[in-house]
């Protein structure tokens, strides 16, 4: 599912984060993706920055948001960690534009 996708994960600075960076990294790896701790030296179009947010964010319903009609360079935006979780739960890669935070 995440084959060819590189994810850089950052934890939010609040204490009640929804999950740990290691847990999310394992989910990404099981789904075929790669996690890195820093920006790769060669710019890749499949780099996504994901931020693990607080547990209250878990209740947000992203399914009501509409995907962006314009082309987005996701290396310039953070995505909610829910993009990973919801994609795995749906058994398909969901549009990341609705998870921009």
PDB file of N, CA and C in Angstrom:
ATOM      1  N   UNK A   1       0.809  -1.189   0.000  1.00  0.00           N
ATOM      2  CA  UNK A   1       0.000   0.000   0.000  1.00  0.00           C
ATOM      3  C   UNK A   1       0.864   1.269   0.000  1.00  0.00           C
ATOM      4  N   UNK A   2       1.882   1.334   0.850  1.00  0.00           N
ATOM      5  CA  UNK A   2       2.762   2.501   0.920  1.00  0.00           C
ATOM      6  C   UNK A   2       4.085   2.258   0.188  1.00  0.00           C
ATOM      7  N   UNK A   3       4.103   1.332  -0.722  1.00  0.00           N
ATOM      8  CA  UNK A   3       5.310   1.017  -1.476  1.00  0.00           C
ATOM      9  C   UNK A   3       5.803   2.251  -2.223  1.00  0.00           C
ATOM     10  N   UNK A   4       7.080   2.567  -2.076  1.00  0.00           N
ATOM     11  CA  UNK A   4       7.669   3.722  -2.736  1.00  0.00           C
ATOM     12  C   UNK A   4       7.427   5.037  -2.020  1.00  0.00           C
ATOM     13  N   UNK A   5       6.756   4.994  -0.889  1.00  0.00           N
ATOM     14  CA  UNK A   5       6.449   6.208  -0.132  1.00  0.00           C
ATOM     15  C   UNK A   5       7.391   6.322   1.060  1.00  0.00           C
ATOM     16  N   UNK A   6       7.944   7.519   1.233  1.00  0.00           N
ATOM     17  CA  UNK A   6       8.822   7.809   2.363  1.00  0.00           C
ATOM     18  C   UNK A   6       8.078   8.731   3.316  1.00  0.00           C
ATOM     19  N   UNK A   7       8.057   8.372   4.580  1.00  0.00           N
ATOM     20  CA  UNK A   7       7.347   9.159   5.583  1.00  0.00           C
ATOM     21  C   UNK A   7       8.334   9.617   6.651  1.00  0.00           C
ATOM     22  N   UNK A   8       8.295  10.906   6.929  1.00  0.00           N
ATOM     23  CA  UNK A   8       9.059  11.472   8.042  1.00  0.00           C
ATOM     24  C   UNK A   8       8.043  11.816   9.118  1.00  0.00           C
ATOM     25  N   UNK A   9       8.208  11.218  10.292  1.00  0.00           N
ATOM     26  CA  UNK A   9       7.224  11.354  11.373  1.00  0.00           C
ATOM     27  C   UNK A   9       7.740  12.301  12.440  1.00  0.00           C
ATOM     28  N   UNK A  10       6.857  13.179  12.881  1.00  0.00           N
ATOM     29  CA  UNK A  10       7.161  14.075  13.986  1.00  0.00           C
ATOM     30  C   UNK A  10       6.042  13.939  15.010  1.00  0.00           C
ATOM     31  N   UNK A  11       6.419  13.884  16.272  1.00  0.00           N
ATOM     32  CA  UNK A  11       5.424  13.832  17.339  1.00  0.00           C
ATOM     33  C   UNK A  11       5.069  15.244  17.758  1.00  0.00           C
ATOM     34  N   UNK A  12       3.812  15.475  18.050  1.00  0.00           N
ATOM     35  CA  UNK A  12       3.374  16.770  18.562  1.00  0.00           C
ATOM     36  C   UNK A  12       3.994  16.960  19.943  1.00  0.00           C
ATOM     37  N   UNK A  13       4.138  18.178  20.351  1.00  0.00           N
ATOM     38  CA  UNK A  13       4.804  18.456  21.625  1.00  0.00           C
ATOM     39  C   UNK A  13       3.898  18.290  22.841  1.00  0.00           C
ATOM     40  N   UNK A  14       2.642  17.946  22.621  1.00  0.00           N
ATOM     41  CA  UNK A  14       1.740  17.764  23.767  1.00  0.00           C
ATOM     42  C   UNK A  14       1.927  16.382  24.389  1.00  0.00           C
ATOM     43  N   UNK A  15       1.490  16.242  25.607  1.00  0.00           N
ATOM     44  CA  UNK A  15       1.719  14.996  26.351  1.00  0.00           C
ATOM     45  C   UNK A  15       0.770  13.867  25.975  1.00  0.00           C
ATOM     46  N   UNK A  16      -0.405  14.188  25.475  1.00  0.00           N
ATOM     47  CA  UNK A  16      -1.392  13.131  25.235  1.00  0.00           C
ATOM     48  C   UNK A  16      -1.423  12.691  23.763  1.00  0.00           C
ATOM     49  N   UNK A  17      -0.252  12.447  23.187  1.00  0.00           N
ATOM     50  CA  UNK A  17      -0.233  12.027  21.786  1.00  0.00           C
ATOM     51  C   UNK A  17      -0.984  10.717  21.624  1.00  0.00           C
ATOM     52  N   UNK A  18      -1.585  10.553  20.467  1.00  0.00           N
ATOM     53  CA  UNK A  18      -2.468   9.417  20.222  1.00  0.00           C
ATOM     54  C   UNK A  18      -1.704   8.099  20.126  1.00  0.00           C
ATOM     55  N   UNK A  19      -0.490   8.128  19.599  1.00  0.00           N
ATOM     56  CA  UNK A  19       0.319   6.919  19.501  1.00  0.00           C
ATOM     57  C   UNK A  19       1.781   7.330  19.436  1.00  0.00           C
ATOM     58  N   UNK A  20       2.650   6.397  19.611  1.00  0.00           N
ATOM     59  CA  UNK A  20       4.081   6.675  19.605  1.00  0.00           C
ATOM     60  C   UNK A  20       4.644   6.569  18.186  1.00  0.00           C
ATOM     61  N   UNK A  21       5.723   7.291  17.966  1.00  0.00           N
ATOM     62  CA  UNK A  21       6.393   7.312  16.667  1.00  0.00           C
ATOM     63  C   UNK A  21       6.802   5.902  16.240  1.00  0.00           C
ATOM     64  N   UNK A  22       7.315   5.105  17.157  1.00  0.00           N
ATOM     65  CA  UNK A  22       7.734   3.744  16.846  1.00  0.00           C
ATOM     66  C   UNK A  22       6.565   2.883  16.377  1.00  0.00           C
ATOM     67  N   UNK A  23       5.418   3.029  17.033  1.00  0.00           N
ATOM     68  CA  UNK A  23       4.225   2.263  16.634  1.00  0.00           C
ATOM     69  C   UNK A  23       3.788   2.617  15.213  1.00  0.00           C
ATOM     70  N   UNK A  24       3.763   3.915  14.905  1.00  0.00           N
ATOM     71  CA  UNK A  24       3.358   4.355  13.573  1.00  0.00           C
ATOM     72  C   UNK A  24       4.377   3.912  12.523  1.00  0.00           C
ATOM     73  N   UNK A  25       5.654   3.961  12.868  1.00  0.00           N
ATOM     74  CA  UNK A  25       6.709   3.503  11.946  1.00  0.00           C
ATOM     75  C   UNK A  25       6.531   2.034  11.599  1.00  0.00           C
ATOM     76  N   UNK A  26       6.179   1.227  12.585  1.00  0.00           N
ATOM     77  CA  UNK A  26       5.955  -0.204  12.336  1.00  0.00           C
ATOM     78  C   UNK A  26       4.764  -0.422  11.406  1.00  0.00           C
ATOM     79  N   UNK A  27       3.688   0.338  11.588  1.00  0.00           N
ATOM     80  CA  UNK A  27       2.521   0.221  10.711  1.00  0.00           C
ATOM     81  C   UNK A  27       2.884   0.575   9.271  1.00  0.00           C
ATOM     82  N   UNK A  28       3.653   1.634   9.097  1.00  0.00           N
ATOM     83  CA  UNK A  28       4.068   2.054   7.760  1.00  0.00           C
ATOM     84  C   UNK A  28       4.924   0.976   7.112  1.00  0.00           C
ATOM     85  N   UNK A  29       5.872   0.422   7.855  1.00  0.00           N
ATOM     86  CA  UNK A  29       6.746  -0.626   7.315  1.00  0.00           C
ATOM     87  C   UNK A  29       5.945  -1.868   6.928  1.00  0.00           C
ATOM     88  N   UNK A  30       4.996  -2.267   7.754  1.00  0.00           N
ATOM     89  CA  UNK A  30       4.163  -3.436   7.432  1.00  0.00           C
ATOM     90  C   UNK A  30       3.337  -3.210   6.172  1.00  0.00           C
ATOM     91  N   UNK A  31       3.028  -1.948   5.876  1.00  0.00           N
ATOM     92  CA  UNK A  31       2.234  -1.616   4.693  1.00  0.00           C
ATOM     93  C   UNK A  31       3.141  -1.298   3.490  1.00  0.00           C
ATOM     94  N   UNK A  32       4.442  -1.546   3.626  1.00  0.00           N
ATOM     95  CA  UNK A  32       5.360  -1.408   2.492  1.00  0.00           C
ATOM     96  C   UNK A  32       6.060  -0.078   2.370  1.00  0.00           C
ATOM     97  N   UNK A  33       5.855   0.833   3.313  1.00  0.00           N
ATOM     98  CA  UNK A  33       6.486   2.145   3.244  1.00  0.00           C
ATOM     99  C   UNK A  33       7.801   2.205   3.996  1.00  0.00           C
ATOM    100  N   UNK A  34       8.453   3.351   3.907  1.00  0.00           N
ATOM    101  CA  UNK A  34       9.734   3.583   4.565  1.00  0.00           C
ATOM    102  C   UNK A  34       9.616   4.817   5.436  1.00  0.00           C
ATOM    103  N   UNK A  35      10.208   4.764   6.621  1.00  0.00           N
ATOM    104  CA  UNK A  35      10.254   5.950   7.470  1.00  0.00           C
ATOM    105  C   UNK A  35      11.700   6.406   7.606  1.00  0.00           C
ATOM    106  N   UNK A  36      11.880   7.712   7.641  1.00  0.00           N
ATOM    107  CA  UNK A  36      13.195   8.311   7.836  1.00  0.00           C
ATOM    108  C   UNK A  36      13.108   9.306   8.973  1.00  0.00           C
ATOM    109  N   UNK A  37      14.265   9.634   9.544  1.00  0.00           N
ATOM    110  CA  UNK A  37      14.304  10.612  10.633  1.00  0.00           C
ATOM    111  C   UNK A  37      14.611  12.015  10.142  1.00  0.00           C
ATOM    112  N   UNK A  38      15.055  12.134   8.895  1.00  0.00           N
ATOM    113  CA  UNK A  38      15.413  13.438   8.356  1.00  0.00           C
ATOM    114  C   UNK A  38      15.077  13.492   6.875  1.00  0.00           C
ATOM    115  N   UNK A  39      15.118  14.681   6.341  1.00  0.00           N
ATOM    116  CA  UNK A  39      14.826  14.896   4.927  1.00  0.00           C
ATOM    117  C   UNK A  39      15.893  14.192   4.091  1.00  0.00           C
ATOM    118  N   UNK A  40      15.478  13.401   3.095  1.00  0.00           N
ATOM    119  CA  UNK A  40      16.468  12.730   2.251  1.00  0.00           C
ATOM    120  C   UNK A  40      17.257  13.740   1.418  1.00  0.00           C
ATOM    121  N   UNK A  41      18.525  13.417   1.140  1.00  0.00           N
ATOM    122  CA  UNK A  41      19.369  14.334   0.377  1.00  0.00           C
ATOM    123  C   UNK A  41      18.894  14.475  -1.068  1.00  0.00           C
ATOM    124  N   UNK A  42      18.425  13.385  -1.641  1.00  0.00           N
ATOM    125  CA  UNK A  42      17.864  13.481  -2.996  1.00  0.00           C
ATOM    126  C   UNK A  42      16.372  13.742  -2.852  1.00  0.00           C
ATOM    127  N   UNK A  43      15.911  14.828  -3.454  1.00  0.00           N
ATOM    128  CA  UNK A  43      14.494  15.165  -3.296  1.00  0.00           C
ATOM    129  C   UNK A  43      13.636  14.134  -4.009  1.00  0.00           C
ATOM    130  N   UNK A  44      12.692  13.638  -3.308  1.00  0.00           N
ATOM    131  CA  UNK A  44      11.804  12.617  -3.835  1.00  0.00           C
ATOM    132  C   UNK A  44      10.375  13.143  -3.813  1.00  0.00           C
ATOM    133  N   UNK A  45       9.630  12.836  -4.858  1.00  0.00           N
ATOM    134  CA  UNK A  45       8.248  13.315  -4.908  1.00  0.00           C
ATOM    135  C   UNK A  45       7.338  12.534  -3.974  1.00  0.00           C
ATOM    136  N   UNK A  46       7.808  11.429  -3.443  1.00  0.00           N
ATOM    137  CA  UNK A  46       6.980  10.603  -2.568  1.00  0.00           C
ATOM    138  C   UNK A  46       7.364  10.733  -1.104  1.00  0.00           C
ATOM    139  N   UNK A  47       7.773  11.933  -0.688  1.00  0.00           N
ATOM    140  CA  UNK A  47       8.101  12.189   0.714  1.00  0.00           C
ATOM    141  C   UNK A  47       6.911  12.893   1.356  1.00  0.00           C
ATOM    142  N   UNK A  48       6.470  12.354   2.482  1.00  0.00           N
ATOM    143  CA  UNK A  48       5.340  12.919   3.210  1.00  0.00           C
ATOM    144  C   UNK A  48       5.764  13.163   4.650  1.00  0.00           C
ATOM    145  N   UNK A  49       5.394  14.329   5.188  1.00  0.00           N
ATOM    146  CA  UNK A  49       5.655  14.669   6.574  1.00  0.00           C
ATOM    147  C   UNK A  49       4.382  14.427   7.366  1.00  0.00           C
ATOM    148  N   UNK A  50       4.474  13.567   8.352  1.00  0.00           N
ATOM    149  CA  UNK A  50       3.311  13.196   9.148  1.00  0.00           C
ATOM    150  C   UNK A  50       3.559  13.616  10.589  1.00  0.00           C
ATOM    151  N   UNK A  51       2.567  14.256  11.176  1.00  0.00           N
ATOM    152  CA  UNK A  51       2.682  14.671  12.577  1.00  0.00           C
ATOM    153  C   UNK A  51       1.677  13.874  13.398  1.00  0.00           C
ATOM    154  N   UNK A  52       2.176  13.257  14.467  1.00  0.00           N
ATOM    155  CA  UNK A  52       1.298  12.551  15.401  1.00  0.00           C
ATOM    156  C   UNK A  52       0.706  13.598  16.328  1.00  0.00           C
ATOM    157  N   UNK A  53      -0.601  13.716  16.272  1.00  0.00           N
ATOM    158  CA  UNK A  53      -1.297  14.739  17.036  1.00  0.00           C
ATOM    159  C   UNK A  53      -1.896  14.175  18.319  1.00  0.00           C
ATOM    160  N   UNK A  54      -2.485  15.036  19.097  1.00  0.00           N
ATOM    161  CA  UNK A  54      -3.070  14.657  20.373  1.00  0.00           C
ATOM    162  C   UNK A  54      -4.249  13.718  20.233  1.00  0.00           C
ATOM    163  N   UNK A  55      -4.595  13.052  21.311  1.00  0.00           N
ATOM    164  CA  UNK A  55      -5.661  12.060  21.282  1.00  0.00           C
ATOM    165  C   UNK A  55      -7.026  12.669  20.973  1.00  0.00           C
ATOM    166  N   UNK A  56      -7.256  13.951  21.253  1.00  0.00           N
ATOM    167  CA  UNK A  56      -8.543  14.547  20.920  1.00  0.00           C
ATOM    168  C   UNK A  56      -8.714  14.668  19.403  1.00  0.00           C
ATOM    169  N   UNK A  57      -7.620  14.727  18.648  1.00  0.00           N
ATOM    170  CA  UNK A  57      -7.690  14.811  17.190  1.00  0.00           C
ATOM    171  C   UNK A  57      -8.200  13.515  16.588  1.00  0.00           C
ATOM    172  N   UNK A  58      -8.068  12.428  17.305  1.00  0.00           N
ATOM    173  CA  UNK A  58      -8.491  11.121  16.803  1.00  0.00           C
ATOM    174  C   UNK A  58      -9.977  11.117  16.470  1.00  0.00           C
ATOM    175  N   UNK A  59     -10.752  11.923  17.151  1.00  0.00           N
ATOM    176  CA  UNK A  59     -12.192  11.934  16.919  1.00  0.00           C
ATOM    177  C   UNK A  59     -12.597  12.770  15.700  1.00  0.00           C
ATOM    178  N   UNK A  60     -11.664  13.501  15.106  1.00  0.00           N
ATOM    179  CA  UNK A  60     -11.999  14.328  13.938  1.00  0.00           C
ATOM    180  C   UNK A  60     -12.366  13.423  12.756  1.00  0.00           C
ATOM    181  N   UNK A  61     -13.435  13.786  12.035  1.00  0.00           N
ATOM    182  CA  UNK A  61     -13.920  12.985  10.910  1.00  0.00           C
ATOM    183  C   UNK A  61     -13.412  13.569   9.596  1.00  0.00           C
ATOM    184  N   UNK A  62     -12.341  12.992   9.071  1.00  0.00           N
ATOM    185  CA  UNK A  62     -11.753  13.469   7.827  1.00  0.00           C
ATOM    186  C   UNK A  62     -12.577  13.062   6.608  1.00  0.00           C
ATOM    187  N   UNK A  63     -13.465  12.090   6.754  1.00  0.00           N
ATOM    188  CA  UNK A  63     -14.247  11.616   5.610  1.00  0.00           C
ATOM    189  C   UNK A  63     -15.179  12.696   5.054  1.00  0.00           C
ATOM    190  N   UNK A  64     -15.437  13.727   5.833  1.00  0.00           N
ATOM    191  CA  UNK A  64     -16.314  14.805   5.377  1.00  0.00           C
ATOM    192  C   UNK A  64     -15.571  15.878   4.582  1.00  0.00           C
ATOM    193  N   UNK A  65     -14.233  15.844   4.629  1.00  0.00           N
ATOM    194  CA  UNK A  65     -13.445  16.820   3.888  1.00  0.00           C
ATOM    195  C   UNK A  65     -13.329  16.393   2.423  1.00  0.00           C
ATOM    196  N   UNK A  66     -13.228  17.372   1.542  1.00  0.00           N
ATOM    197  CA  UNK A  66     -13.114  17.081   0.113  1.00  0.00           C
ATOM    198  C   UNK A  66     -11.655  17.172  -0.306  1.00  0.00           C
ATOM    199  N   UNK A  67     -11.221  16.255  -1.195  1.00  0.00           N
ATOM    200  CA  UNK A  67      -9.843  16.309  -1.695  1.00  0.00           C
ATOM    201  C   UNK A  67      -9.587  17.609  -2.455  1.00  0.00           C
ATOM    202  N   UNK A  68      -8.356  18.036  -2.443  1.00  0.00           N
ATOM    203  CA  UNK A  68      -7.972  19.243  -3.158  1.00  0.00           C
ATOM    204  C   UNK A  68      -8.006  18.997  -4.656  1.00  0.00           C
ATOM    205  N   UNK A  69      -8.524  19.959  -5.400  1.00  0.00           N
ATOM    206  CA  UNK A  69      -8.590  19.846  -6.856  1.00  0.00           C
ATOM    207  C   UNK A  69      -7.255  20.229  -7.499  1.00  0.00           C
ATOM    208  N   UNK A  70      -6.411  20.972  -6.773  1.00  0.00           N
ATOM    209  CA  UNK A  70      -5.132  21.392  -7.342  1.00  0.00           C
ATOM    210  C   UNK A  70      -4.013  20.447  -6.920  1.00  0.00           C
ATOM    211  N   UNK A  71      -2.948  20.435  -7.717  1.00  0.00           N
ATOM    212  CA  UNK A  71      -1.796  19.577  -7.429  1.00  0.00           C
ATOM    213  C   UNK A  71      -1.038  20.147  -6.230  1.00  0.00           C
ATOM    214  N   UNK A  72      -0.747  19.299  -5.276  1.00  0.00           N
ATOM    215  CA  UNK A  72      -0.102  19.725  -4.031  1.00  0.00           C
ATOM    216  C   UNK A  72       1.243  19.018  -3.884  1.00  0.00           C
ATOM    217  N   UNK A  73       2.265  19.779  -3.511  1.00  0.00           N
ATOM    218  CA  UNK A  73       3.555  19.195  -3.170  1.00  0.00           C
ATOM    219  C   UNK A  73       3.508  18.896  -1.668  1.00  0.00           C
ATOM    220  N   UNK A  74       3.323  17.649  -1.322  1.00  0.00           N
ATOM    221  CA  UNK A  74       3.118  17.277   0.079  1.00  0.00           C
ATOM    222  C   UNK A  74       4.372  17.419   0.927  1.00  0.00           C
ATOM    223  N   UNK A  75       5.520  17.646   0.294  1.00  0.00           N
ATOM    224  CA  UNK A  75       6.742  17.875   1.060  1.00  0.00           C
ATOM    225  C   UNK A  75       6.697  19.231   1.762  1.00  0.00           C
ATOM    226  N   UNK A  76       5.734  20.069   1.408  1.00  0.00           N
ATOM    227  CA  UNK A  76       5.611  21.399   2.014  1.00  0.00           C
ATOM    228  C   UNK A  76       4.562  21.457   3.121  1.00  0.00           C
ATOM    229  N   UNK A  77       3.915  20.354   3.423  1.00  0.00           N
ATOM    230  CA  UNK A  77       2.820  20.338   4.393  1.00  0.00           C
ATOM    231  C   UNK A  77       2.955  19.161   5.347  1.00  0.00           C
ATOM    232  N   UNK A  78       2.406  19.340   6.547  1.00  0.00           N
ATOM    233  CA  UNK A  78       2.277  18.219   7.470  1.00  0.00           C
ATOM    234  C   UNK A  78       0.917  17.575   7.262  1.00  0.00           C
ATOM    235  N   UNK A  79       0.903  16.265   7.381  1.00  0.00           N
ATOM    236  CA  UNK A  79      -0.343  15.501   7.347  1.00  0.00           C
ATOM    237  C   UNK A  79      -0.596  14.927   8.729  1.00  0.00           C
ATOM    238  N   UNK A  80      -1.844  14.778   9.070  1.00  0.00           N
ATOM    239  CA  UNK A  80      -2.196  14.123  10.317  1.00  0.00           C
ATOM    240  C   UNK A  80      -1.804  12.646  10.243  1.00  0.00           C
ATOM    241  N   UNK A  81      -1.421  12.089  11.374  1.00  0.00           N
ATOM    242  CA  UNK A  81      -1.093  10.659  11.430  1.00  0.00           C
ATOM    243  C   UNK A  81      -2.299   9.791  11.052  1.00  0.00           C
ATOM    244  N   UNK A  82      -3.471  10.394  11.103  1.00  0.00           N
ATOM    245  CA  UNK A  82      -4.689   9.659  10.741  1.00  0.00           C
ATOM    246  C   UNK A  82      -4.674   9.219   9.274  1.00  0.00           C
ATOM    247  N   UNK A  83      -3.908   9.912   8.415  1.00  0.00           N
ATOM    248  CA  UNK A  83      -3.795   9.499   7.011  1.00  0.00           C
ATOM    249  C   UNK A  83      -3.277   8.060   6.931  1.00  0.00           C
ATOM    250  N   UNK A  84      -2.268   7.758   7.730  1.00  0.00           N
ATOM    251  CA  UNK A  84      -1.693   6.406   7.752  1.00  0.00           C
ATOM    252  C   UNK A  84      -2.724   5.413   8.291  1.00  0.00           C
ATOM    253  N   UNK A  85      -3.283   5.715   9.440  1.00  0.00           N
ATOM    254  CA  UNK A  85      -4.220   4.801  10.098  1.00  0.00           C
ATOM    255  C   UNK A  85      -5.470   4.573   9.247  1.00  0.00           C
ATOM    256  N   UNK A  86      -6.053   5.646   8.721  1.00  0.00           N
ATOM    257  CA  UNK A  86      -7.262   5.512   7.914  1.00  0.00           C
ATOM    258  C   UNK A  86      -6.991   4.769   6.607  1.00  0.00           C
ATOM    259  N   UNK A  87      -5.836   5.001   5.991  1.00  0.00           N
ATOM    260  CA  UNK A  87      -5.486   4.287   4.761  1.00  0.00           C
ATOM    261  C   UNK A  87      -5.361   2.784   5.026  1.00  0.00           C
ATOM    262  N   UNK A  88      -4.685   2.428   6.092  1.00  0.00           N
ATOM    263  CA  UNK A  88      -4.522   1.010   6.428  1.00  0.00           C
ATOM    264  C   UNK A  88      -5.882   0.395   6.752  1.00  0.00           C
ATOM    265  N   UNK A  89      -6.698   1.104   7.506  1.00  0.00           N
ATOM    266  CA  UNK A  89      -8.033   0.598   7.852  1.00  0.00           C
ATOM    267  C   UNK A  89      -8.915   0.415   6.626  1.00  0.00           C
ATOM    268  N   UNK A  90      -8.729   1.280   5.628  1.00  0.00           N
ATOM    269  CA  UNK A  90      -9.533   1.218   4.402  1.00  0.00           C
ATOM    270  C   UNK A  90      -8.955   0.271   3.357  1.00  0.00           C
ATOM    271  N   UNK A  91      -7.763  -0.259   3.621  1.00  0.00           N
ATOM    272  CA  UNK A  91      -7.071  -1.152   2.694  1.00  0.00           C
ATOM    273  C   UNK A  91      -6.769  -0.484   1.356  1.00  0.00           C
ATOM    274  N   UNK A  92      -6.591   0.849   1.386  1.00  0.00           N
ATOM    275  CA  UNK A  92      -6.200   1.585   0.180  1.00  0.00           C
ATOM    276  C   UNK A  92      -5.593   2.918   0.589  1.00  0.00           C
ATOM    277  N   UNK A  93      -4.740   3.439  -0.272  1.00  0.00           N
ATOM    278  CA  UNK A  93      -4.095   4.707   0.001  1.00  0.00           C
ATOM    279  C   UNK A  93      -5.097   5.835  -0.219  1.00  0.00           C
ATOM    280  N   UNK A  94      -5.460   6.521   0.851  1.00  0.00           N
ATOM    281  CA  UNK A  94      -6.436   7.605   0.773  1.00  0.00           C
ATOM    282  C   UNK A  94      -5.755   8.889   0.311  1.00  0.00           C
ATOM    283  N   UNK A  95      -6.551   9.796  -0.231  1.00  0.00           N
ATOM    284  CA  UNK A  95      -6.026  11.078  -0.719  1.00  0.00           C
ATOM    285  C   UNK A  95      -5.447  11.862   0.447  1.00  0.00           C
ATOM    286  N   UNK A  96      -4.143  12.136   0.415  1.00  0.00           N
ATOM    287  CA  UNK A  96      -3.527  12.841   1.542  1.00  0.00           C
ATOM    288  C   UNK A  96      -3.973  14.291   1.691  1.00  0.00           C
ATOM    289  N   UNK A  97      -4.539  14.886   0.652  1.00  0.00           N
ATOM    290  CA  UNK A  97      -4.897  16.310   0.730  1.00  0.00           C
ATOM    291  C   UNK A  97      -5.959  16.593   1.783  1.00  0.00           C
ATOM    292  N   UNK A  98      -6.776  15.609   2.118  1.00  0.00           N
ATOM    293  CA  UNK A  98      -7.787  15.866   3.143  1.00  0.00           C
ATOM    294  C   UNK A  98      -7.231  15.763   4.561  1.00  0.00           C
ATOM    295  N   UNK A  99      -5.980  15.328   4.670  1.00  0.00           N
ATOM    296  CA  UNK A  99      -5.346  15.173   5.980  1.00  0.00           C
ATOM    297  C   UNK A  99      -4.311  16.268   6.278  1.00  0.00           C
ATOM    298  N   UNK A 100      -4.253  17.291   5.426  1.00  0.00           N
ATOM    299  CA  UNK A 100      -3.318  18.399   5.671  1.00  0.00           C
ATOM    300  C   UNK A 100      -3.741  19.138   6.938  1.00  0.00           C
ATOM    301  N   UNK A 101      -2.758  19.381   7.804  1.00  0.00           N
ATOM    302  CA  UNK A 101      -3.036  20.111   9.053  1.00  0.00           C
ATOM    303  C   UNK A 101      -2.333  21.465   9.041  1.00  0.00           C
TER     304      UNK A 101
END
